[in-house]
Protein backbone atom coordinates (compact mmCIF):
# COMPACT_ATOMS: atom_id res chain seq x y z
CA MET A 1 0.00 0.00 0.00
CA ARG A 2 2.86 2.35 0.94
CA LEU A 3 4.62 1.59 -2.40
CA LYS A 4 1.48 2.58 -4.31
CA LYS A 5 1.35 5.83 -2.34
CA TYR A 6 5.00 6.65 -3.15
CA LYS A 7 4.45 5.72 -6.78
CA SER A 8 1.47 8.09 -6.98
CA LEU A 9 3.48 10.90 -5.40
CA TYR A 10 6.34 10.25 -7.84
CA ILE A 11 3.99 10.41 -10.83
CA LEU A 12 2.43 13.61 -9.44
CA LEU A 13 5.88 15.19 -8.93
CA ILE A 14 6.95 14.29 -12.47
CA GLY A 15 3.73 15.78 -13.79
CA ILE A 16 4.27 19.03 -11.88
CA LEU A 17 7.87 19.29 -13.11
CA SER A 18 6.74 18.62 -16.69
CA ILE A 19 4.11 21.32 -16.46
CA THR A 20 6.65 23.74 -14.97
CA ALA A 21 9.18 22.99 -17.74
CA SER A 22 6.47 23.32 -20.36
CA GLU A 23 5.35 26.67 -18.93
CA ALA A 24 8.95 27.93 -18.88
CA GLN A 25 9.41 26.85 -22.47
CA SER A 26 6.13 28.51 -23.47
CA SER A 27 7.13 31.71 -21.65
CA LEU A 28 10.48 31.84 -23.46
CA GLN A 29 8.87 31.17 -26.83
CA SER A 30 6.21 33.84 -26.41
CA GLY A 31 8.74 36.34 -25.06
CA MET A 32 11.08 35.93 -28.02
CA GLU A 33 8.25 35.96 -30.53
CA ARG A 34 6.95 39.18 -29.02
CA ILE A 35 10.29 40.85 -29.64
CA MET A 36 10.52 39.54 -33.19
CA ASN A 37 6.92 40.20 -34.17
CA SER A 38 7.43 43.93 -34.50
CA ARG A 39 6.50 46.26 -37.33
CA GLU A 40 10.15 46.89 -38.24
CA LEU A 41 10.69 43.20 -39.03
CA THR A 42 7.56 42.63 -41.11
CA HIS A 43 9.58 41.90 -44.25
CA SER A 44 12.61 40.35 -42.56
CA SER A 45 13.84 36.77 -42.70
CA ILE A 46 14.33 35.41 -39.18
CA SER A 47 15.72 32.17 -37.82
CA PHE A 48 16.41 31.55 -34.15
CA SER A 49 16.97 28.48 -32.01
CA VAL A 50 17.47 27.99 -28.28
CA LEU A 51 18.59 24.55 -27.08
CA ASP A 52 18.99 22.96 -23.69
CA MET A 53 22.70 22.16 -23.69
CA GLU A 54 22.38 18.91 -21.77
CA SER A 55 19.35 17.29 -23.41
CA GLY A 56 19.40 19.02 -26.79
CA ASP A 57 15.70 19.89 -26.45
CA LEU A 58 14.55 22.82 -28.58
CA LEU A 59 13.28 25.34 -26.01
CA ALA A 60 12.29 28.15 -28.38
CA SER A 61 12.53 28.69 -32.09
CA MET A 62 11.34 30.48 -35.18
CA ARG A 63 12.06 28.82 -38.53
CA PRO A 64 15.06 27.02 -37.00
CA ASN A 65 15.90 25.13 -40.20
CA THR A 66 15.73 28.13 -42.54
CA SER A 67 19.15 28.93 -43.98
CA LEU A 68 20.16 32.59 -43.71
CA THR A 69 23.33 34.63 -44.08
CA PRO A 70 25.01 34.67 -40.63
CA ALA A 71 27.97 37.01 -41.35
CA SER A 72 30.68 36.57 -38.68
CA SER A 73 28.67 34.14 -36.53
CA ILE A 74 29.97 31.45 -38.86
CA LYS A 75 33.40 32.05 -37.32
CA VAL A 76 32.41 29.73 -34.45
CA LEU A 77 32.54 26.80 -36.89
CA THR A 78 35.97 27.78 -38.21
CA THR A 79 37.64 28.68 -34.93
CA LEU A 80 36.37 25.87 -32.71
CA THR A 81 37.13 23.30 -35.41
CA ALA A 82 40.63 24.72 -35.81
CA ILE A 83 41.41 24.83 -32.09
CA THR A 84 40.35 21.17 -31.77
CA VAL A 85 41.91 19.75 -34.94
CA LEU A 86 45.16 21.74 -34.84
CA GLY A 87 45.48 22.02 -31.05
CA GLU A 88 45.69 24.98 -28.67
CA SER A 89 49.49 25.01 -28.71
CA TYR A 90 49.80 24.93 -32.52
CA GLN A 91 52.14 27.60 -33.89
CA PHE A 92 52.72 28.79 -37.44
CA SER A 93 56.40 28.79 -38.43
CA THR A 94 57.84 31.15 -41.07
CA LYS A 95 61.42 30.29 -41.99
CA VAL A 96 64.20 32.45 -43.40
CA GLY A 97 66.95 30.77 -45.40
CA TYR A 98 68.76 30.61 -48.68
CA GLU A 99 69.12 28.35 -51.70
CA GLY A 100 72.52 28.32 -53.33
CA THR A 101 76.12 28.60 -52.18
CA LEU A 102 77.56 31.00 -49.62
CA GLU A 103 81.10 31.98 -50.66
CA ALA A 104 83.92 32.62 -48.21
CA ASP A 105 83.75 36.37 -48.88
CA GLY A 106 80.07 36.47 -47.80
CA THR A 107 78.59 36.47 -51.30
CA LEU A 108 75.47 34.36 -51.62
CA GLN A 109 75.42 32.74 -55.03
CA GLY A 110 71.71 32.12 -54.93
CA ASP A 111 68.50 33.45 -53.45
CA LEU A 112 67.49 34.64 -49.99
CA MET A 113 64.23 32.88 -49.20
CA ILE A 114 61.26 33.59 -46.93
CA TYR A 115 59.30 30.34 -46.65
CA GLY A 116 55.71 31.25 -45.86
CA CYS A 117 53.39 29.13 -43.75
CA GLY A 118 50.28 31.30 -43.92
CA ASP A 119 50.87 32.82 -40.47
CA PRO A 120 48.27 35.63 -40.21
CA THR A 121 50.14 37.28 -37.32
CA LEU A 122 53.57 37.72 -38.95
CA GLY A 123 54.77 41.24 -38.24
CA SER A 124 51.34 42.30 -37.02
CA GLY A 125 52.43 43.80 -33.71
CA SER A 126 49.11 42.69 -32.20
CA PHE A 127 50.62 40.26 -29.70
CA THR A 128 52.94 41.14 -26.84
CA GLY A 129 56.37 39.63 -27.29
CA TYR A 130 56.09 39.19 -31.05
CA PRO A 131 57.59 41.59 -33.62
CA ASN A 132 55.67 44.31 -35.42
CA PHE A 133 56.43 45.01 -39.08
CA GLU A 134 59.50 47.19 -38.54
CA GLN A 135 60.90 44.84 -35.90
CA LEU A 136 60.36 41.93 -38.28
CA LEU A 137 62.48 43.63 -40.93
CA ASP A 138 65.20 44.40 -38.37
CA GLN A 139 65.29 40.78 -37.20
CA ILE A 140 65.47 39.40 -40.76
CA THR A 141 68.37 41.76 -41.47
CA LYS A 142 70.13 40.54 -38.34
CA MET A 143 69.62 36.90 -39.40
CA VAL A 144 71.23 37.66 -42.76
CA LYS A 145 74.20 39.39 -41.11
CA ASP A 146 74.63 36.64 -38.52
CA ALA A 147 74.72 34.08 -41.35
CA GLY A 148 77.73 35.94 -42.78
CA ILE A 149 75.94 37.15 -45.92
CA THR A 150 77.33 40.45 -47.22
CA CYS A 151 76.09 40.35 -50.80
CA ILE A 152 73.26 38.48 -52.52
CA ASP A 153 73.98 37.58 -56.13
CA GLY A 154 70.40 36.51 -56.65
CA ASP A 155 66.89 37.45 -55.61
CA ILE A 156 65.00 37.95 -52.39
CA ILE A 157 62.08 35.56 -52.79
CA ALA A 158 58.93 35.46 -50.69
CA ASP A 159 57.81 31.86 -51.23
CA GLU A 160 54.04 31.70 -50.75
CA SER A 161 53.63 28.24 -52.24
CA LEU A 162 52.19 26.53 -49.16
CA PHE A 163 48.72 28.06 -49.57
CA ASN A 164 46.78 27.84 -52.80
CA SER A 165 47.19 30.71 -55.26
CA PHE A 166 43.77 32.32 -54.73
CA PRO A 167 43.83 34.45 -51.57
CA ILE A 168 40.15 35.48 -51.43
CA SER A 169 36.78 33.78 -51.71
CA PRO A 170 35.34 34.12 -55.25
CA SER A 171 32.02 35.28 -53.78
CA TRP A 172 33.35 38.24 -51.80
CA GLN A 173 31.81 41.50 -52.94
CA TRP A 174 33.81 43.85 -55.14
CA ASN A 175 33.20 46.85 -52.86
CA ASP A 176 34.89 44.96 -49.97
CA LEU A 177 38.09 43.82 -51.66
CA GLY A 178 40.19 46.97 -51.31
CA ASN A 179 39.42 47.33 -47.62
CA TYR A 180 41.49 45.88 -44.77
CA TYR A 181 38.86 43.37 -43.65
CA ALA A 182 38.88 41.66 -47.07
CA SER A 183 42.60 41.17 -47.57
CA GLY A 184 42.30 37.40 -47.91
CA ALA A 185 44.80 34.80 -46.69
CA TRP A 186 48.08 34.36 -48.56
CA GLY A 187 50.96 31.93 -48.17
CA ILE A 188 52.77 34.91 -46.66
CA ASN A 189 50.72 37.43 -44.70
CA VAL A 190 52.42 40.42 -43.10
CA ASN A 191 51.37 43.51 -41.11
CA GLU A 192 47.82 42.05 -41.05
CA ASN A 193 47.90 42.61 -44.86
CA GLU A 194 46.84 46.21 -44.33
CA TYR A 195 48.02 49.78 -44.78
CA ILE A 196 46.63 53.03 -43.34
CA ILE A 197 45.74 56.16 -45.34
CA TYR A 198 45.67 59.46 -43.45
CA PHE A 199 43.40 62.31 -44.66
CA ASP A 200 43.18 65.95 -43.67
CA LYS A 201 39.52 66.21 -42.64
CA ARG A 202 39.45 69.93 -42.00
CA GLY A 203 37.38 72.16 -44.26
CA THR A 204 33.85 72.63 -45.56
CA VAL A 205 31.34 69.91 -46.30
CA GLY A 206 31.66 68.67 -49.87
CA ARG A 207 35.38 69.40 -50.10
CA ARG A 208 37.75 66.67 -51.21
CA PRO A 209 40.05 65.83 -48.28
CA ASN A 210 43.75 65.73 -49.08
CA ILE A 211 45.75 62.55 -48.54
CA LYS A 212 48.46 63.49 -46.04
CA SER A 213 50.31 60.17 -46.10
CA TYR A 214 49.95 56.42 -45.97
CA TYR A 215 51.89 53.70 -44.16
CA PRO A 216 53.64 51.42 -44.88
CA THR A 217 54.79 52.28 -48.37
CA ILE A 218 53.69 49.94 -51.15
CA PRO A 219 55.63 49.80 -54.44
CA LYS A 220 53.58 50.81 -57.51
CA LEU A 221 50.52 51.84 -55.44
CA ASN A 222 48.34 54.53 -57.06
CA LEU A 223 45.56 56.05 -54.94
CA SER A 224 42.68 57.72 -56.79
CA ASN A 225 41.03 59.96 -54.20
CA GLU A 226 37.33 60.65 -54.84
CA LEU A 227 36.31 61.17 -51.22
CA ALA A 228 34.21 64.05 -49.91
CA VAL A 229 34.00 65.63 -46.47
CA ASP A 230 30.59 65.17 -44.84
CA SER A 231 29.07 66.65 -41.69
CA ALA A 232 30.82 66.04 -38.37
CA GLY A 233 29.74 62.84 -36.66
CA THR A 234 28.71 61.01 -39.83
CA GLY A 235 31.41 58.38 -39.34
CA ASP A 236 33.54 56.39 -41.72
CA ASN A 237 31.69 55.91 -45.01
CA ALA A 238 34.79 55.52 -47.17
CA TYR A 239 35.46 52.48 -49.34
CA ILE A 240 38.58 51.46 -51.23
CA PHE A 241 37.97 49.67 -54.53
CA GLY A 242 40.55 47.35 -56.06
CA GLY A 243 41.24 43.68 -55.32
CA PRO A 244 44.36 41.49 -55.05
CA TYR A 245 47.23 42.36 -57.42
CA ASN A 246 45.44 45.60 -58.34
CA TYR A 247 47.69 48.58 -57.56
CA THR A 248 45.31 51.31 -58.69
CA LYS A 249 42.93 51.91 -55.80
CA ARG A 250 39.83 54.07 -56.08
CA ILE A 251 38.70 55.68 -52.81
CA VAL A 252 35.05 56.75 -52.73
CA GLY A 253 32.48 57.83 -50.13
CA THR A 254 32.73 60.30 -47.27
CA ILE A 255 34.58 60.99 -44.06
CA PRO A 256 33.36 63.31 -41.26
CA ALA A 257 34.51 66.91 -40.99
CA GLY A 258 36.61 67.83 -38.00
CA GLN A 259 40.07 68.81 -36.82
CA GLY A 260 43.26 66.91 -37.54
CA THR A 261 43.43 63.70 -39.53
CA PHE A 262 41.13 60.82 -40.32
CA SER A 263 42.41 57.37 -41.22
CA ILE A 264 41.06 54.40 -43.15
CA LYS A 265 42.64 51.00 -43.75
CA GLY A 266 43.20 49.25 -47.06
CA SER A 267 44.29 45.75 -48.09
CA ILE A 268 47.84 45.32 -49.43
CA PRO A 269 47.55 44.18 -53.08
CA ASP A 270 50.24 41.46 -52.84
CA PRO A 271 51.62 40.85 -49.32
CA PRO A 272 54.39 38.38 -50.33
CA TYR A 273 55.77 40.80 -52.95
CA PHE A 274 55.36 43.66 -50.48
CA LEU A 275 57.47 41.83 -47.87
CA ALA A 276 60.21 40.94 -50.37
CA HIS A 277 60.39 44.61 -51.42
CA HIS A 278 60.78 45.86 -47.86
CA ILE A 279 63.40 43.24 -46.98
CA SER A 280 65.41 44.37 -50.01
CA LYS A 281 65.20 48.02 -48.93
CA GLU A 282 66.15 47.15 -45.36
CA LEU A 283 69.18 45.14 -46.47
CA GLU A 284 70.31 48.00 -48.69
CA LYS A 285 70.37 50.26 -45.62
CA SER A 286 72.87 47.79 -44.13
CA LYS A 287 74.97 47.85 -47.33
CA ILE A 288 73.94 44.32 -48.28
CA LYS A 289 73.45 44.39 -52.03
CA THR A 290 70.72 42.35 -53.73
CA ALA A 291 69.92 41.74 -57.38
CA ASN A 292 66.10 41.77 -57.27
CA TYR A 293 63.07 40.82 -55.22
CA ARG A 294 59.91 38.90 -56.07
CA ALA A 295 57.17 36.64 -54.82
CA LYS A 296 57.09 33.01 -55.80
CA PHE A 297 54.35 30.45 -56.14
CA SER A 298 55.61 27.05 -57.21
CA ARG A 299 54.94 23.42 -56.37
CA THR A 300 58.36 22.32 -57.65
CA LYS A 301 61.23 21.50 -55.31
CA PRO A 302 64.12 24.00 -54.98
CA ASN A 303 67.05 23.67 -57.36
CA HIS A 304 69.47 23.69 -54.44
CA ASP A 305 69.46 22.43 -50.89
CA LYS A 306 67.98 25.06 -48.63
CA VAL A 307 69.78 26.37 -45.58
CA ILE A 308 67.62 27.79 -42.79
CA ILE A 309 69.10 30.77 -40.95
CA GLY A 310 66.13 31.85 -38.84
CA GLU A 311 62.52 31.27 -37.90
CA PHE A 312 59.50 33.25 -36.75
CA LYS A 313 56.93 31.39 -34.71
CA SER A 314 53.44 32.72 -34.21
CA PRO A 315 51.64 33.04 -30.88
CA PRO A 316 49.91 29.78 -29.86
CA LEU A 317 46.65 29.08 -31.66
CA SER A 318 44.70 29.65 -28.46
CA ASP A 319 45.70 33.34 -28.56
CA ILE A 320 44.98 33.64 -32.28
CA VAL A 321 41.51 32.11 -31.97
CA ARG A 322 40.59 34.38 -29.06
CA LYS A 323 41.59 37.45 -31.04
CA ALA A 324 39.82 36.13 -34.14
CA ASN A 325 36.54 35.89 -32.25
CA PHE A 326 36.91 38.82 -29.87
CA GLU A 327 37.86 41.24 -32.68
CA SER A 328 36.08 39.39 -35.51
CA ASN A 329 39.29 39.19 -37.53
CA ASN A 330 38.59 37.87 -41.04
CA LEU A 331 42.24 37.33 -41.99
CA TYR A 332 42.85 35.01 -39.04
CA CYS A 333 39.81 32.88 -39.87
CA GLU A 334 40.69 32.58 -43.56
CA ALA A 335 44.23 31.50 -42.65
CA LEU A 336 42.84 28.95 -40.19
CA LEU A 337 40.48 27.62 -42.84
CA LYS A 338 43.31 26.95 -45.30
CA THR A 339 45.48 25.47 -42.55
CA LEU A 340 42.63 23.07 -41.73
CA GLY A 341 42.63 22.01 -45.38
CA LEU A 342 46.37 21.39 -45.18
CA LYS A 343 46.10 19.41 -41.94
CA VAL A 344 43.10 17.25 -42.82
CA ARG A 345 43.16 17.09 -46.62
CA LYS A 346 46.88 17.74 -47.31
CA SER A 347 46.29 20.88 -49.38
CA ALA A 348 45.87 24.44 -48.08
CA SER A 349 42.76 25.66 -49.86
CA GLY A 350 39.59 27.21 -48.57
CA GLN A 351 37.37 24.53 -50.08
CA LEU A 352 39.35 21.73 -48.45
CA GLY A 353 39.21 23.64 -45.17
CA ILE A 354 35.42 23.72 -45.47
CA SER A 355 35.51 20.00 -46.15
CA ALA A 356 37.47 19.56 -42.89
CA ILE A 357 34.79 21.52 -41.00
CA ARG A 358 32.06 19.30 -42.46
CA ARG A 359 34.05 16.26 -41.36
CA PHE A 360 34.25 17.69 -37.84
CA LEU A 361 30.48 18.32 -37.79
CA LYS A 362 29.96 14.70 -38.75
CA LYS A 363 32.25 13.60 -35.92
CA LEU A 364 30.09 15.57 -33.48
CA LYS A 365 26.93 14.04 -35.04
CA VAL A 366 25.72 17.51 -36.06
CA LYS A 367 23.63 17.39 -39.24
CA SER A 368 24.94 19.84 -41.82
CA GLY A 369 21.79 20.16 -43.93
CA GLY A 370 21.23 23.74 -45.06
CA LEU A 371 24.87 24.74 -44.55
CA ASN A 372 26.75 26.46 -47.36
CA MET A 373 30.18 27.84 -46.53
CA GLU A 374 31.96 30.02 -49.05
CA ASP A 375 34.66 31.18 -46.64
CA GLY A 376 35.83 30.85 -43.05
CA SER A 377 35.03 34.35 -41.84
CA GLY A 378 31.45 34.98 -42.95
CA LEU A 379 32.33 37.90 -45.24
CA SER A 380 30.62 36.16 -48.16
CA ALA A 381 26.92 36.93 -48.50
CA ARG A 382 26.60 33.49 -50.13
CA SER A 383 27.52 31.68 -46.93
CA TYR A 384 24.32 30.60 -45.22
CA VAL A 385 23.32 28.35 -42.35
CA PRO A 386 20.23 27.52 -40.24
CA SER A 387 20.25 28.88 -36.69
CA TYR A 388 19.55 25.36 -35.41
CA LEU A 389 22.82 24.06 -36.89
CA LEU A 390 24.92 26.70 -35.12
CA ALA A 391 23.15 26.19 -31.79
CA ASP A 392 23.40 22.42 -32.13
CA PHE A 393 27.08 22.65 -33.01
CA LEU A 394 27.82 24.56 -29.80
CA ARG A 395 25.69 22.10 -27.81
CA ALA A 396 27.54 19.10 -29.24
CA TYR A 397 30.92 20.78 -28.86
CA ALA A 398 30.32 21.65 -25.21
CA ASN A 399 29.10 18.13 -24.42
CA GLN A 400 32.15 16.63 -26.09
CA TYR A 401 34.90 18.97 -24.89
CA GLY A 402 33.33 20.87 -21.98
CA VAL A 403 31.53 24.20 -21.91
CA GLU A 404 34.64 25.99 -20.62
CA ALA A 405 36.58 24.85 -23.68
CA ALA A 406 34.14 26.75 -25.88
CA THR A 407 33.20 29.79 -23.81
CA LYS A 408 36.81 30.87 -23.26
CA TYR A 409 37.05 31.53 -26.99
CA LEU A 410 33.85 33.59 -27.20
CA PRO A 411 33.36 37.19 -26.03
CA LYS A 412 31.52 37.53 -22.71
CA GLY A 413 28.52 39.85 -22.63
CA GLY A 414 29.17 43.02 -20.66
CA VAL A 415 32.86 42.14 -20.34
CA SER A 416 34.75 41.63 -23.63
CA GLY A 417 34.80 41.70 -27.41
CA THR A 418 31.95 42.90 -29.59
CA VAL A 419 29.39 42.25 -26.81
CA ARG A 420 31.30 44.23 -24.18
CA GLY A 421 28.74 47.06 -24.21
CA MET A 422 25.70 44.78 -23.80
CA PHE A 423 23.72 43.75 -20.69
CA LYS A 424 25.08 46.61 -18.59
CA ASN A 425 23.51 46.94 -15.13
CA THR A 426 21.61 43.64 -15.50
CA LYS A 427 22.16 40.25 -13.90
CA ALA A 428 22.63 38.79 -17.38
CA ALA A 429 26.05 40.44 -17.68
CA GLY A 430 28.80 37.86 -17.37
CA HIS A 431 26.42 34.95 -18.07
CA ILE A 432 26.16 35.24 -21.86
CA TRP A 433 28.93 34.36 -24.33
CA ALA A 434 28.25 35.30 -27.94
CA LYS A 435 29.89 35.74 -31.33
CA SER A 436 28.27 38.57 -33.23
CA GLY A 437 27.93 38.94 -36.96
CA SER A 438 26.93 41.89 -39.10
CA MET A 439 27.00 43.24 -42.63
CA ILE A 440 24.56 45.40 -44.56
CA ASP A 441 21.04 44.24 -43.57
CA VAL A 442 22.45 41.20 -41.72
CA ILE A 443 22.80 40.72 -37.97
CA SER A 444 23.35 37.60 -35.87
CA TYR A 445 24.44 36.38 -32.46
CA THR A 446 25.46 32.82 -31.60
CA GLY A 447 26.64 31.44 -28.28
CA PHE A 448 25.94 30.21 -24.75
CA VAL A 449 23.76 31.38 -21.89
CA GLN A 450 24.05 30.21 -18.31
CA ALA A 451 20.47 31.06 -17.43
CA LYS A 452 19.23 32.52 -14.16
CA SER A 453 18.03 28.99 -13.35
CA GLY A 454 21.65 27.81 -13.55
CA LYS A 455 21.00 25.71 -16.65
CA TRP A 456 23.12 26.05 -19.77
CA ARG A 457 21.57 26.99 -23.12
CA THR A 458 23.01 27.34 -26.60
CA PHE A 459 21.45 29.69 -29.10
CA SER A 460 21.70 31.31 -32.49
CA ILE A 461 19.67 34.26 -33.76
CA ILE A 462 19.98 35.36 -37.41
CA ILE A 463 18.05 38.18 -39.09
CA ASN A 464 18.37 39.20 -42.74
CA ALA A 465 16.78 42.15 -44.56
CA TYR A 466 15.61 44.82 -42.14
CA ASP A 467 14.83 48.51 -42.61
CA VAL A 468 16.00 49.96 -39.30
CA LYS A 469 19.35 51.15 -37.99
CA ASN A 470 21.83 48.60 -36.71
CA LYS A 471 21.60 50.18 -33.27
CA THR A 472 17.89 49.30 -33.16
CA MET A 473 18.57 45.73 -34.27
CA ARG A 474 21.32 45.25 -31.68
CA SER A 475 18.88 46.40 -29.02
CA LYS A 476 16.34 43.79 -30.14
CA MET A 477 19.01 41.08 -30.16
CA GLU A 478 20.09 42.09 -26.67
CA LYS A 479 16.49 41.78 -25.46
CA MET A 480 16.27 38.29 -26.96
CA MET A 481 19.45 37.12 -25.26
CA LYS A 482 18.25 38.56 -21.94
CA GLU A 483 14.99 36.70 -22.49
CA ILE A 484 16.94 33.45 -22.66
CA TYR A 485 18.78 34.30 -19.45
CA PHE A 486 15.74 35.31 -17.38
CA ASN A 487 13.08 32.93 -18.75
CA SER A 488 14.76 29.59 -19.40
């Protein structure tokens, strides 16, 4: 009789818990729908998914299997795959050496070589303890001197052969290619593949601002300035047109009026050639004569045995991945994508890197239906993915490798990265980790929430085609993420 009583109480308790869970789920669903069902989003395409991290249950959703453009949210696939497949301690290694014969008088009968490995941080100056561009040139010069080379009767060659010969995704937009964020990933990357143009922004609205200078110098570069000064506070609306290998750059758009200078960043047309040029100039300052300089892409073996005289190692991959996600760095992700292709498929191309990511999804038992990746950074508008896939990927990853292994590589809301300014003065701050993504008429957030209840959730919210300011959309996204924290 007592067993029957306990059994009845157990069934009643389970029923109450089920009703409570159902009510919580219903509350979350209605709360998120209320935010999304606004007049401003009448014509928008929306996909969102919220999953219980432990069970995988879908707690709230709207068209979870609809594929949309995620912009930089797709970086979670690239970076977390790379950190797992390559390892946290992985380092890129760029070698300096020569091919030929070094004579007793210090004459190199052959070529000075820079053997690229695709390191996106080479000479970037973005990591403490690693050389910036000028320090890189100084250290290469010292390596040459220490090797006893006083004259080079050959070329300075930047060998970029490790990566494939196409640095950018074919589907990147033309108006992006001349700008720093669309530099692509080369076999040799240097100085983040970017240069800075400085404009005098003083004067009346409508005036063409003068170019004061640009740094670093790029051989053969021709800047066609078609900018105009706009009202103060209008922000950076300048674009540089001209893709890889194109040395005539057209600068259009506006910059805000004000005092002093205004700067914009462009993409170096050919980073390997650029590096070879600057090494040659630096060696000339030290009275080390060279015949010529050039970039090289070749799958053939060297004619002579190579002698290595120095090496530059990158920061560990853990640092690179954090910066890639916290600063949404496209170059780093494209370099990681090609390195994944090299590691898994033995060839450093973007397409083989994507193949490696699909293989990793399969390992995690995450269905990849609806996924189309054109790049590793999300800059392509032709990359698309369902919100459910991204949320499910994070769920599966956390269950396999631990939630800490994933969240340490994502910006923390109210604390760091592109979500540092969110959730201020709310209890949600510090309990939401999210990678943001944005381009024209595209906004997304993907990540983890440790809800007020203590339970872990994974989520992805993607919205395409909206007619309001990005500030308004970010506010709506923030409300949705807070909804997950407080009501799940």
